[in-house]
Amino acid sequence: MADWSLSSLQLKLIKIGARVVRHARAITFQLVEVAVTGPMVRAILAAIRRFREPPLCG
C-alpha cells in the first residue's frame, strides 16, 4: 500500500464500502466494521497523510 496512487486509494475505499463525509474542517470515513481490518485502516490513513505532506525541497 505504500506506493499506491491517490486514484488507487480512492478506488480501494469505494471497493470496501467506505463513505467519505465532509464537514466544515474534517473529512470522515464511514466504514463497514467487518469489511476492513485495523491494519488496513491504519495503512490507508498513513497513505492519506503522505498525500497531504508538503513536498521536500532539495
N, C-alpha and C. Protein backbone atom coordinates (compact mmCIF):
# COMPACT_ATOMS: atom_id res chain seq x y z
N MET A 1 0.81 -1.20 0.00
CA MET A 1 0.00 0.00 0.00
C MET A 1 0.85 1.26 0.00
N ALA A 2 2.12 1.13 0.34
CA ALA A 2 2.96 2.31 0.47
C ALA A 2 3.12 3.06 -0.85
N ASP A 3 3.01 2.37 -1.97
CA ASP A 3 3.23 3.03 -3.26
C ASP A 3 1.94 3.26 -4.04
N TRP A 4 0.79 3.22 -3.37
CA TRP A 4 -0.48 3.46 -4.05
C TRP A 4 -0.59 4.91 -4.49
N SER A 5 -1.24 5.13 -5.61
CA SER A 5 -1.53 6.50 -6.04
C SER A 5 -2.83 6.94 -5.37
N LEU A 6 -3.14 8.22 -5.48
CA LEU A 6 -4.38 8.73 -4.90
C LEU A 6 -5.58 8.06 -5.54
N SER A 7 -5.53 7.83 -6.85
CA SER A 7 -6.68 7.20 -7.52
C SER A 7 -6.86 5.75 -7.07
N SER A 8 -5.77 5.02 -6.86
CA SER A 8 -5.92 3.64 -6.39
C SER A 8 -6.43 3.61 -4.95
N LEU A 9 -6.04 4.59 -4.16
CA LEU A 9 -6.55 4.69 -2.79
C LEU A 9 -8.05 4.97 -2.81
N GLN A 10 -8.49 5.88 -3.67
CA GLN A 10 -9.92 6.18 -3.80
C GLN A 10 -10.70 4.94 -4.23
N LEU A 11 -10.16 4.21 -5.19
CA LEU A 11 -10.82 3.00 -5.68
C LEU A 11 -10.94 1.96 -4.56
N LYS A 12 -9.89 1.81 -3.77
CA LYS A 12 -9.92 0.85 -2.66
C LYS A 12 -11.00 1.24 -1.66
N LEU A 13 -11.13 2.52 -1.35
CA LEU A 13 -12.16 2.97 -0.42
C LEU A 13 -13.55 2.67 -0.96
N ILE A 14 -13.73 2.82 -2.25
CA ILE A 14 -15.03 2.52 -2.86
C ILE A 14 -15.30 1.02 -2.79
N LYS A 15 -14.29 0.21 -3.08
CA LYS A 15 -14.48 -1.24 -3.10
C LYS A 15 -14.79 -1.81 -1.72
N ILE A 16 -14.27 -1.19 -0.65
CA ILE A 16 -14.53 -1.71 0.69
C ILE A 16 -15.79 -1.12 1.31
N GLY A 17 -16.47 -0.28 0.59
CA GLY A 17 -17.72 0.25 1.09
C GLY A 17 -17.55 1.46 1.99
N ALA A 18 -16.48 2.21 1.80
CA ALA A 18 -16.27 3.40 2.61
C ALA A 18 -17.07 4.56 2.05
N ARG A 19 -17.52 5.38 2.94
CA ARG A 19 -18.24 6.57 2.53
C ARG A 19 -17.49 7.76 3.10
N VAL A 20 -17.20 8.74 2.27
CA VAL A 20 -16.48 9.93 2.72
C VAL A 20 -17.50 10.99 3.07
N VAL A 21 -17.42 11.50 4.29
CA VAL A 21 -18.34 12.53 4.76
C VAL A 21 -17.52 13.78 5.04
N ARG A 22 -17.88 14.88 4.41
CA ARG A 22 -17.15 16.13 4.61
C ARG A 22 -17.96 17.08 5.48
N HIS A 23 -17.28 17.64 6.45
CA HIS A 23 -17.87 18.67 7.30
C HIS A 23 -17.01 19.92 7.13
N ALA A 24 -17.25 20.94 7.91
CA ALA A 24 -16.55 22.21 7.75
C ALA A 24 -15.04 22.05 7.64
N ARG A 25 -14.42 21.39 8.61
CA ARG A 25 -12.96 21.27 8.59
C ARG A 25 -12.47 19.84 8.67
N ALA A 26 -13.35 18.90 8.59
CA ALA A 26 -12.95 17.50 8.76
C ALA A 26 -13.52 16.62 7.66
N ILE A 27 -12.79 15.60 7.33
CA ILE A 27 -13.27 14.57 6.42
C ILE A 27 -13.29 13.27 7.21
N THR A 28 -14.41 12.61 7.19
CA THR A 28 -14.59 11.38 7.96
C THR A 28 -14.87 10.23 7.01
N PHE A 29 -14.26 9.09 7.29
CA PHE A 29 -14.55 7.88 6.53
C PHE A 29 -15.49 7.03 7.36
N GLN A 30 -16.63 6.71 6.82
CA GLN A 30 -17.55 5.80 7.48
C GLN A 30 -17.36 4.44 6.82
N LEU A 31 -16.87 3.49 7.60
CA LEU A 31 -16.55 2.17 7.07
C LEU A 31 -17.47 1.12 7.66
N VAL A 32 -17.73 0.10 6.88
CA VAL A 32 -18.43 -1.06 7.40
C VAL A 32 -17.46 -1.76 8.34
N GLU A 33 -17.85 -2.02 9.55
CA GLU A 33 -16.93 -2.51 10.57
C GLU A 33 -16.27 -3.83 10.22
N VAL A 34 -16.99 -4.74 9.61
CA VAL A 34 -16.43 -6.06 9.33
C VAL A 34 -15.67 -6.12 8.00
N ALA A 35 -15.76 -5.10 7.19
CA ALA A 35 -15.16 -5.15 5.86
C ALA A 35 -13.67 -4.83 5.87
N VAL A 36 -13.18 -4.10 6.86
CA VAL A 36 -11.81 -3.62 6.85
C VAL A 36 -11.14 -3.96 8.17
N THR A 37 -9.92 -4.46 8.09
CA THR A 37 -9.17 -4.76 9.30
C THR A 37 -8.49 -3.50 9.82
N GLY A 38 -8.14 -3.50 11.07
CA GLY A 38 -7.46 -2.36 11.68
C GLY A 38 -6.17 -1.99 10.96
N PRO A 39 -5.30 -2.96 10.64
CA PRO A 39 -4.06 -2.62 9.94
C PRO A 39 -4.31 -1.96 8.58
N MET A 40 -5.35 -2.40 7.88
CA MET A 40 -5.64 -1.79 6.58
C MET A 40 -6.10 -0.34 6.76
N VAL A 41 -6.91 -0.07 7.76
CA VAL A 41 -7.35 1.30 8.02
C VAL A 41 -6.15 2.18 8.34
N ARG A 42 -5.24 1.68 9.17
CA ARG A 42 -4.04 2.45 9.50
C ARG A 42 -3.19 2.72 8.27
N ALA A 43 -3.06 1.73 7.40
CA ALA A 43 -2.28 1.91 6.17
C ALA A 43 -2.93 2.93 5.24
N ILE A 44 -4.25 2.91 5.15
CA ILE A 44 -4.96 3.88 4.31
C ILE A 44 -4.77 5.29 4.87
N LEU A 45 -4.91 5.44 6.18
CA LEU A 45 -4.73 6.76 6.78
C LEU A 45 -3.29 7.26 6.62
N ALA A 46 -2.32 6.36 6.71
CA ALA A 46 -0.92 6.74 6.50
C ALA A 46 -0.71 7.21 5.07
N ALA A 47 -1.33 6.54 4.11
CA ALA A 47 -1.22 6.95 2.71
C ALA A 47 -1.83 8.33 2.50
N ILE A 48 -2.95 8.59 3.13
CA ILE A 48 -3.60 9.90 3.02
C ILE A 48 -2.69 10.98 3.60
N ARG A 49 -2.06 10.69 4.74
CA ARG A 49 -1.15 11.66 5.35
C ARG A 49 0.01 12.00 4.40
N ARG A 50 0.53 10.98 3.71
CA ARG A 50 1.64 11.24 2.77
C ARG A 50 1.21 12.18 1.66
N PHE A 51 -0.04 12.06 1.19
CA PHE A 51 -0.52 12.96 0.14
C PHE A 51 -0.65 14.39 0.64
N ARG A 52 -0.84 14.57 1.93
CA ARG A 52 -1.05 15.90 2.49
C ARG A 52 0.26 16.57 2.87
N GLU A 53 1.36 15.83 2.96
CA GLU A 53 2.65 16.40 3.35
C GLU A 53 3.18 17.31 2.25
N PRO A 54 3.81 18.42 2.65
CA PRO A 54 4.41 19.29 1.64
C PRO A 54 5.59 18.58 0.98
N PRO A 55 5.86 18.88 -0.28
CA PRO A 55 6.99 18.24 -0.97
C PRO A 55 8.32 18.66 -0.34
N LEU A 56 9.29 17.75 -0.38
CA LEU A 56 10.61 18.05 0.14
C LEU A 56 11.37 18.90 -0.88
N CYS A 57 12.02 19.94 -0.40
CA CYS A 57 12.84 20.78 -1.28
C CYS A 57 14.27 20.29 -1.19
N GLY A 58 14.90 20.24 -2.33
CA GLY A 58 16.22 19.85 -2.13
C GLY A 58 17.11 19.40 -3.12
